[in-house]
């Protein structure tokens, strides 16, 4: 193996480790609850798009507001990610992993809502390190009842107004907060 090939392999290993760390820190940060502008910059590009079961948001500021509002529906959460497969393409990457999210509702009932599915993520290498440029959470199953969303929960209202593709509508579980 020549030096150039060794450098390519080392860069690939470094990129995978940095992306894995970013994804793990992101899920952990949702449970820690410190959701501020610094949080948004640490994980997302300015033009990020995030597709969730309760709607799609565009832009880092919109995502921050949406995540804050969604997480306020829960007293406590635990987000787990595993089996992540990372594909590298220079300064871009994709990651697909399984996600299990447990939520204790903030309505005082102590009820638990669990969702499981797949997280598809697009990332770009920036001057500050890897950042999420797009993400989509595809819920495969749920257990328990999700919290009632306020009528003015904008992404949910927009998603409810948009017609869903027939195949997706038939296979999709009821909308559930995915934080």
Protein backbone atom coordinates (compact mmCIF):
# COMPACT_ATOMS: atom_id res chain seq x y z
CA UNK A 1 0.00 0.00 0.00
CA UNK A 2 1.43 3.35 -0.99
CA UNK A 3 1.36 6.51 1.13
CA UNK A 4 -1.43 8.11 -0.90
CA UNK A 5 -3.73 5.10 -0.46
CA UNK A 6 -2.92 4.98 3.25
CA UNK A 7 -3.85 8.68 3.54
CA UNK A 8 -7.18 8.05 1.75
CA UNK A 9 -7.99 5.20 4.11
CA UNK A 10 -7.01 7.26 7.14
CA UNK A 11 -9.21 10.15 5.95
CA UNK A 12 -12.14 7.75 5.44
CA UNK A 13 -11.70 6.33 8.96
CA UNK A 14 -11.47 9.84 10.41
CA UNK A 15 -14.57 10.99 8.50
CA UNK A 16 -16.57 7.96 9.67
CA UNK A 17 -15.51 8.52 13.29
CA UNK A 18 -16.42 12.22 13.12
CA UNK A 19 -19.81 11.50 11.55
CA UNK A 20 -20.58 8.75 14.07
CA UNK A 21 -19.66 11.12 16.89
CA UNK A 22 -21.84 13.89 15.44
CA UNK A 23 -24.84 11.55 15.13
CA UNK A 24 -24.39 10.19 18.67
CA UNK A 25 -23.98 13.69 20.14
CA UNK A 26 -27.07 14.86 18.23
CA UNK A 27 -29.32 12.16 19.69
CA UNK A 28 -27.86 12.68 23.16
CA UNK A 29 -28.41 16.44 22.87
CA UNK A 30 -32.13 15.95 22.32
CA UNK A 31 -32.33 14.22 25.70
CA UNK A 32 -30.13 16.82 27.43
CA UNK A 33 -32.55 19.54 26.35
CA UNK A 34 -30.13 22.40 25.71
CA UNK A 35 -31.65 23.47 22.40
CA UNK A 36 -30.28 26.88 21.49
CA UNK A 37 -28.60 28.58 18.53
CA UNK A 38 -25.26 27.03 19.47
CA UNK A 39 -26.93 23.60 19.40
CA UNK A 40 -28.36 24.28 15.95
CA UNK A 41 -25.00 25.46 14.55
CA UNK A 42 -23.14 22.52 16.10
CA UNK A 43 -25.21 19.99 14.16
CA UNK A 44 -26.84 21.58 11.11
CA UNK A 45 -26.06 23.59 8.01
CA UNK A 46 -27.87 26.91 7.66
CA UNK A 47 -30.02 25.51 4.83
CA UNK A 48 -30.84 22.16 6.48
CA UNK A 49 -34.04 20.34 5.55
CA UNK A 50 -35.55 17.98 8.12
CA UNK A 51 -38.42 15.65 7.28
CA UNK A 52 -40.22 14.24 10.30
CA UNK A 53 -43.52 12.43 10.80
CA UNK A 54 -45.09 15.70 11.98
CA UNK A 55 -43.86 17.78 9.09
CA UNK A 56 -40.92 19.08 7.12
CA UNK A 57 -38.94 22.19 8.01
CA UNK A 58 -36.38 24.13 5.99
CA UNK A 59 -33.56 26.16 7.48
CA UNK A 60 -31.64 25.98 10.73
CA UNK A 61 -33.76 28.58 12.54
CA UNK A 62 -37.01 26.87 11.58
CA UNK A 63 -35.63 23.51 12.66
CA UNK A 64 -34.52 24.89 16.01
CA UNK A 65 -37.97 26.36 16.67
CA UNK A 66 -39.67 23.13 15.58
CA UNK A 67 -37.46 20.87 17.71
CA UNK A 68 -37.86 23.12 20.76
CA UNK A 69 -41.62 23.07 20.40
CA UNK A 70 -41.76 19.34 19.77
CA UNK A 71 -39.51 18.45 22.69
CA UNK A 72 -41.62 20.62 25.02
CA UNK A 73 -44.36 17.99 24.62
CA UNK A 74 -42.25 15.57 26.70
CA UNK A 75 -41.00 15.49 30.30
CA UNK A 76 -38.15 13.14 29.46
CA UNK A 77 -36.80 11.35 26.42
CA UNK A 78 -34.19 8.77 25.48
CA UNK A 79 -33.07 8.59 21.84
CA UNK A 80 -30.97 5.65 20.68
CA UNK A 81 -29.32 5.26 17.29
CA UNK A 82 -27.58 2.16 16.01
CA UNK A 83 -26.59 0.13 12.95
CA UNK A 84 -25.53 3.25 11.10
CA UNK A 85 -24.09 2.73 7.64
CA UNK A 86 -22.05 5.68 6.35
CA UNK A 87 -21.28 6.24 2.67
CA UNK A 88 -18.55 8.79 1.95
CA UNK A 89 -18.21 10.87 -1.20
CA UNK A 90 -15.48 13.43 -0.66
CA UNK A 91 -16.89 16.32 1.37
CA UNK A 92 -20.37 14.76 1.34
CA UNK A 93 -21.74 11.71 3.08
CA UNK A 94 -24.95 9.83 3.73
CA UNK A 95 -25.79 7.89 6.86
CA UNK A 96 -28.66 5.50 7.50
CA UNK A 97 -29.32 4.06 10.90
CA UNK A 98 -32.01 2.65 13.13
CA UNK A 99 -33.54 4.93 15.75
CA UNK A 100 -35.54 4.09 18.87
CA UNK A 101 -37.05 7.02 20.74
CA UNK A 102 -38.79 6.77 24.10
CA UNK A 103 -40.82 9.76 25.29
CA UNK A 104 -42.56 10.45 28.62
CA UNK A 105 -45.44 12.79 27.87
CA UNK A 106 -45.48 16.20 29.58
CA UNK A 107 -49.24 16.08 30.17
CA UNK A 108 -48.81 14.80 33.72
CA UNK A 109 -50.12 11.33 32.89
CA UNK A 110 -46.73 9.62 32.94
CA UNK A 111 -47.71 7.97 29.66
CA UNK A 112 -44.92 6.69 27.45
CA UNK A 113 -44.80 6.97 23.68
CA UNK A 114 -42.19 4.97 21.77
CA UNK A 115 -41.31 5.26 18.10
CA UNK A 116 -38.84 3.25 16.06
CA UNK A 117 -37.67 3.67 12.53
CA UNK A 118 -34.85 4.63 10.21
CA UNK A 119 -33.01 7.93 10.05
CA UNK A 120 -31.62 8.89 6.64
CA UNK A 121 -29.12 11.72 6.89
CA UNK A 122 -27.11 13.75 4.39
CA UNK A 123 -24.00 15.48 5.68
CA UNK A 124 -21.43 17.93 4.36
CA UNK A 125 -17.94 18.70 5.59
CA UNK A 126 -17.71 22.38 6.52
CA UNK A 127 -14.89 24.51 7.90
CA UNK A 128 -16.30 23.65 11.35
CA UNK A 129 -16.54 19.90 10.71
CA UNK A 130 -19.32 17.63 9.49
CA UNK A 131 -22.85 19.04 9.62
CA UNK A 132 -26.29 17.63 8.81
CA UNK A 133 -27.68 19.16 5.60
CA UNK A 134 -30.79 16.99 5.30
CA UNK A 135 -32.49 14.36 7.40
CA UNK A 136 -35.57 12.19 7.16
CA UNK A 137 -37.01 10.06 9.94
CA UNK A 138 -39.14 7.17 8.68
CA UNK A 139 -41.17 5.70 11.54
CA UNK A 140 -41.71 1.94 11.19
CA UNK A 141 -43.73 1.33 14.35
CA UNK A 142 -45.00 3.06 17.46
CA UNK A 143 -46.27 2.02 20.86
CA UNK A 144 -48.47 4.15 23.09
CA UNK A 145 -50.31 7.31 22.21
CA UNK A 146 -48.43 10.36 20.98
CA UNK A 147 -49.15 13.70 22.62
CA UNK A 148 -51.88 15.82 21.15
CA UNK A 149 -50.32 18.45 18.94
CA UNK A 150 -51.54 22.02 19.30
CA UNK A 151 -53.71 23.08 16.35
CA UNK A 152 -51.16 25.73 15.43
CA UNK A 153 -48.25 23.29 15.27
CA UNK A 154 -47.24 24.61 11.83
CA UNK A 155 -45.39 21.65 10.26
CA UNK A 156 -48.12 19.24 11.37
CA UNK A 157 -50.83 21.50 9.99
CA UNK A 158 -48.98 21.81 6.67
CA UNK A 159 -48.44 18.05 6.49
CA UNK A 160 -52.11 17.38 7.21
CA UNK A 161 -53.14 19.72 4.39
CA UNK A 162 -50.82 18.13 1.82
CA UNK A 163 -52.03 15.00 0.03
CA UNK A 164 -49.84 12.01 0.83
CA UNK A 165 -48.72 9.61 -1.89
CA UNK A 166 -51.01 6.56 -1.89
CA UNK A 167 -48.27 4.05 -1.09
CA UNK A 168 -46.82 6.15 1.71
CA UNK A 169 -50.23 6.90 3.17
CA UNK A 170 -51.16 3.21 3.25
CA UNK A 171 -47.90 2.19 4.93
CA UNK A 172 -47.38 5.15 7.25
CA UNK A 173 -48.29 4.97 10.93
CA UNK A 174 -50.23 7.77 12.56
CA UNK A 175 -48.20 10.99 12.76
CA UNK A 176 -46.09 11.04 15.89
CA UNK A 177 -43.68 13.56 17.30
CA UNK A 178 -40.13 12.56 16.49
CA UNK A 179 -37.66 14.55 18.31
